[in-house]
């Protein structure tokens, strides 16, 4: 019969916009995020482990990997515009949050800057040589959260 379901009703969803300090607090511990950029074969999104360091997202990749080559323009002081997304989602409760960091990807080339970003402690999870550090310098940080209220959604 229609409407005669044994599945419990989910409480109503509440959508919340997060401000920049809340976003930074949620991503401060580091973890896994997704870098989105325009690569040689078009739009590309790749998961990477990252650290938040001195207000920037830091991750590592291979200098001669497809991403390493795509993010290195070959033009002095040129930077790729990127998006970096981090989220924490619970499918069971249908709750979670998502943070979007937009900015420029800056391959770390100078020894002074490399010495600084090594202090971020970011370690690649994937095998292979990941000698290229990349910093994403944010120009915009936005976030949202979905929470469930105490009452079931109207059906």
Protein backbone atom coordinates (compact mmCIF):
# COMPACT_ATOMS: atom_id res chain seq x y z
CA UNK A 1 0.00 0.00 0.00
CA UNK A 2 1.16 3.51 -0.73
CA UNK A 3 2.43 5.32 2.34
CA UNK A 4 2.60 2.09 4.36
CA UNK A 5 6.37 1.92 4.71
CA UNK A 6 8.25 0.30 7.55
CA UNK A 7 11.30 2.55 7.05
CA UNK A 8 11.58 5.27 9.69
CA UNK A 9 10.96 8.78 8.48
CA UNK A 10 14.03 11.00 8.28
CA UNK A 11 13.87 14.20 10.29
CA UNK A 12 13.62 17.39 8.28
CA UNK A 13 16.89 18.77 6.86
CA UNK A 14 18.24 22.15 7.90
CA UNK A 15 20.65 23.84 5.50
CA UNK A 16 23.26 26.17 6.99
CA UNK A 17 25.78 28.44 5.27
CA UNK A 18 29.19 28.41 7.00
CA UNK A 19 31.38 31.49 7.33
CA UNK A 20 35.11 31.43 6.57
CA UNK A 21 36.32 30.92 10.17
CA UNK A 22 33.94 27.95 10.57
CA UNK A 23 35.18 26.50 7.28
CA UNK A 24 38.82 26.85 8.32
CA UNK A 25 38.05 25.22 11.66
CA UNK A 26 36.48 22.21 9.95
CA UNK A 27 39.39 21.65 7.55
CA UNK A 28 42.22 22.54 9.96
CA UNK A 29 43.01 18.92 10.83
CA UNK A 30 43.86 18.07 7.22
CA UNK A 31 42.83 14.86 5.53
CA UNK A 32 41.63 14.12 2.02
CA UNK A 33 40.21 16.66 -0.39
CA UNK A 34 39.72 16.97 -4.13
CA UNK A 35 41.64 19.37 -6.35
CA UNK A 36 39.80 20.56 -9.45
CA UNK A 37 41.64 22.24 -12.31
CA UNK A 38 41.74 22.48 -16.08
CA UNK A 39 44.23 19.90 -17.27
CA UNK A 40 45.56 19.03 -20.69
CA UNK A 41 42.53 16.78 -21.31
CA UNK A 42 39.94 19.17 -19.89
CA UNK A 43 38.33 19.54 -16.45
CA UNK A 44 40.06 17.29 -13.91
CA UNK A 45 39.24 16.41 -10.29
CA UNK A 46 41.70 14.30 -8.26
CA UNK A 47 41.69 13.29 -4.58
CA UNK A 48 44.80 14.24 -2.60
CA UNK A 49 45.71 14.32 1.06
CA UNK A 50 46.33 17.84 2.30
CA UNK A 51 47.34 19.98 5.25
CA UNK A 52 46.14 23.47 6.12
CA UNK A 53 49.30 25.48 6.63
CA UNK A 54 49.65 29.25 7.12
CA UNK A 55 46.22 29.83 5.60
CA UNK A 56 46.94 27.76 2.49
CA UNK A 57 46.11 24.22 1.39
CA UNK A 58 49.33 22.19 0.91
CA UNK A 59 49.60 18.86 -0.88
CA UNK A 60 52.24 16.86 -2.70
CA UNK A 61 52.39 15.29 -6.14
CA UNK A 62 55.00 14.01 -8.55
CA UNK A 63 56.85 16.69 -10.48
CA UNK A 64 56.38 14.69 -13.71
CA UNK A 65 52.91 13.34 -12.89
CA UNK A 66 50.03 14.52 -15.10
CA UNK A 67 48.83 16.84 -12.30
CA UNK A 68 52.34 18.11 -11.58
CA UNK A 69 52.86 18.95 -15.23
CA UNK A 70 49.38 20.47 -15.62
CA UNK A 71 49.82 22.78 -12.61
CA UNK A 72 53.29 23.91 -13.70
CA UNK A 73 52.64 26.36 -16.51
CA UNK A 74 56.27 26.94 -17.48
CA UNK A 75 55.63 30.69 -17.22
CA UNK A 76 57.41 32.51 -14.40
CA UNK A 77 55.04 33.50 -11.56
CA UNK A 78 52.02 32.07 -13.39
CA UNK A 79 49.51 30.14 -11.29
CA UNK A 80 46.60 27.88 -12.22
CA UNK A 81 43.12 28.77 -10.99
CA UNK A 82 41.78 25.81 -9.01
CA UNK A 83 39.01 24.64 -6.74
CA UNK A 84 39.70 22.48 -3.68
CA UNK A 85 36.80 20.68 -2.01
CA UNK A 86 36.72 18.94 1.36
CA UNK A 87 33.68 17.29 2.90
CA UNK A 88 32.50 15.05 5.70
CA UNK A 89 29.30 13.21 4.88
CA UNK A 90 27.29 10.58 6.78
CA UNK A 91 25.06 8.64 4.37
CA UNK A 92 23.33 6.96 7.33
CA UNK A 93 22.09 10.23 8.82
CA UNK A 94 22.15 12.27 5.60
CA UNK A 95 24.12 14.96 7.40
CA UNK A 96 27.47 16.55 6.72
CA UNK A 97 29.39 19.54 5.54
CA UNK A 98 31.24 20.63 2.41
CA UNK A 99 33.90 23.33 2.07
CA UNK A 100 35.00 24.88 -1.25
CA UNK A 101 38.31 26.71 -1.46
CA UNK A 102 38.88 28.65 -4.67
CA UNK A 103 42.20 30.22 -5.54
CA UNK A 104 45.52 29.77 -7.28
CA UNK A 105 47.75 26.70 -7.24
CA UNK A 106 51.34 27.64 -6.65
CA UNK A 107 54.01 24.95 -7.23
CA UNK A 108 56.70 25.42 -4.57
CA UNK A 109 60.02 25.94 -6.34
CA UNK A 110 62.20 28.02 -4.03
CA UNK A 111 64.24 26.25 -1.34
CA UNK A 112 63.13 28.76 1.31
CA UNK A 113 59.44 28.17 0.63
CA UNK A 114 60.02 24.40 0.37
CA UNK A 115 61.64 24.42 3.82
CA UNK A 116 58.59 26.25 5.15
CA UNK A 117 55.95 23.94 3.65
CA UNK A 118 57.79 20.82 4.80
CA UNK A 119 56.80 21.98 8.30
CA UNK A 120 53.16 21.43 7.29
CA UNK A 121 53.80 17.73 7.82
CA UNK A 122 51.74 16.69 4.79
CA UNK A 123 52.70 13.20 3.66
CA UNK A 124 51.42 11.58 0.47
CA UNK A 125 49.36 8.44 0.92
CA UNK A 126 49.90 7.14 -2.60
CA UNK A 127 53.14 5.44 -3.54
CA UNK A 128 55.76 6.88 -5.83
CA UNK A 129 57.84 9.99 -5.64
CA UNK A 130 55.83 13.04 -4.56
CA UNK A 131 58.58 15.64 -4.47
CA UNK A 132 56.50 18.60 -5.72
CA UNK A 133 54.72 20.59 -3.02
CA UNK A 134 51.75 22.63 -4.21
CA UNK A 135 50.08 25.43 -2.25
CA UNK A 136 46.56 26.61 -2.95
CA UNK A 137 46.31 30.27 -1.99
CA UNK A 138 42.62 30.93 -1.25
CA UNK A 139 40.80 33.87 -2.74
CA UNK A 140 37.38 32.57 -1.62
CA UNK A 141 36.33 30.02 1.02
CA UNK A 142 32.69 28.96 1.28
CA UNK A 143 30.90 26.15 3.06
CA UNK A 144 27.60 24.60 3.87
CA UNK A 145 26.25 22.08 6.34
CA UNK A 146 23.16 19.89 6.35
CA UNK A 147 21.77 18.87 9.73
CA UNK A 148 18.64 17.02 10.66
CA UNK A 149 16.12 18.71 12.93
CA UNK A 150 14.27 16.75 15.60
CA UNK A 151 11.02 16.38 13.69
CA UNK A 152 10.27 14.10 10.70
CA UNK A 153 9.77 15.66 7.28
CA UNK A 154 6.16 16.10 6.21
CA UNK A 155 5.08 13.34 3.84
